[in-house]
Amino acid sequence: MVPLNQENILRTFLILLFLLHTALQGDLVDGISILVKDEPITIYDIEKKMKEMHLSQKQAVDLLMRETLEAQEVKKRHLKVTPDEVNARIAQIADQNGLSVAQLYDAVWSTQHLTQQAFKEKLEKTILTQKLYSDIAMSGMETAGEDELKEYYRLHPEQFSHSDTFDVTVYQAPAKGALQRKMSNPMLQVPEVTMQNAALPYARLEPQLAALLSKTKNGEFTPILPDPKGGVVAFYIRSKSLPVMQPFEEVKPQVQEALMADKREQSLKDYFERARLNADIKIIRLPDTVARRD
């Protein structure tokens, strides 16, 4: 048996102190904060969501509870997404953007740094969520009548107005990194980036691009987009013509789509609020009730 002199005692004490500190840190990372029908949400989950999405603690908790309830609802309804559905959605997205599937994969990698597999997994989750929302919201939801559509159109003029022309500078580059450098410092000389001024008529734009340009303010860039010709592109809005409200009959399909989307969202909000009230939820502790990690 080795005698315990002062040096051995000190070494043993330091080791025990380190192990205790490590155990406490692990408890803070993995400690359960909330149980939603016995499904755990950890303190780490909450802090990660707050950091990634720049949310308050309450917003992060509400979102995680909603996501947990949605996942439980998916299981309850036995909803699935097949590989064929994912591939069909990929082909649809490519077609809408004037790209081949291979070009779309390249664009997703250059703009989002997602591999083909990661992109498919992300789409699978999106489709699954859409199935769930459709399953919940469409049950018992009535089609809007003419008077209701006209009232919605009257109350939301900004949704059905647009500029006829956009004066832009088109920035194009073979890769996202070069374009990001130029956008963050327009005075910087980046040889890979080309620029061209253009006046884009609304009527000749793809609907997705027209909507994006409409949302982007004067003096700002759009997000970086895949370029159908290869590489990536972004638009700097120099000016727009004044928005003009479109005649009701011309935008009636969009009015109906917007109204139904609002109804779906309200239906979903009500459904999950009731689910949350009726669910067995136990709040054990929240991040601000324990020591925070450095």
Foldseek 3Di string as FASTA:
>chain_A
DDDCDPVNVVVVVVVVVVVVVVVVVVCQLAPFFKQWLNNTDHQNQQVVQCVVVVDDSVVSVVVVNLVVVLVVVCVVVVDFDDPVNLVVVLCVVQVLQLAHSVLVQVFCCQQPVAHPVRVSVVSRVVVSSVVSLCVQQVVPDDQDDPVVLVVLCVVCQVVQWFFQKFWKKKKFFQGDVLVVVCQVPVVDDRPRIDIDIDIDGLVPDRPVVRVQRRPDDAQHKGRWGADRVHHIMIIHTPDTHDIDGDDCVVCVVVSSVVVSVVSSVVSSVVVVVVVSVPIDMDRDHHSVVDDDDD
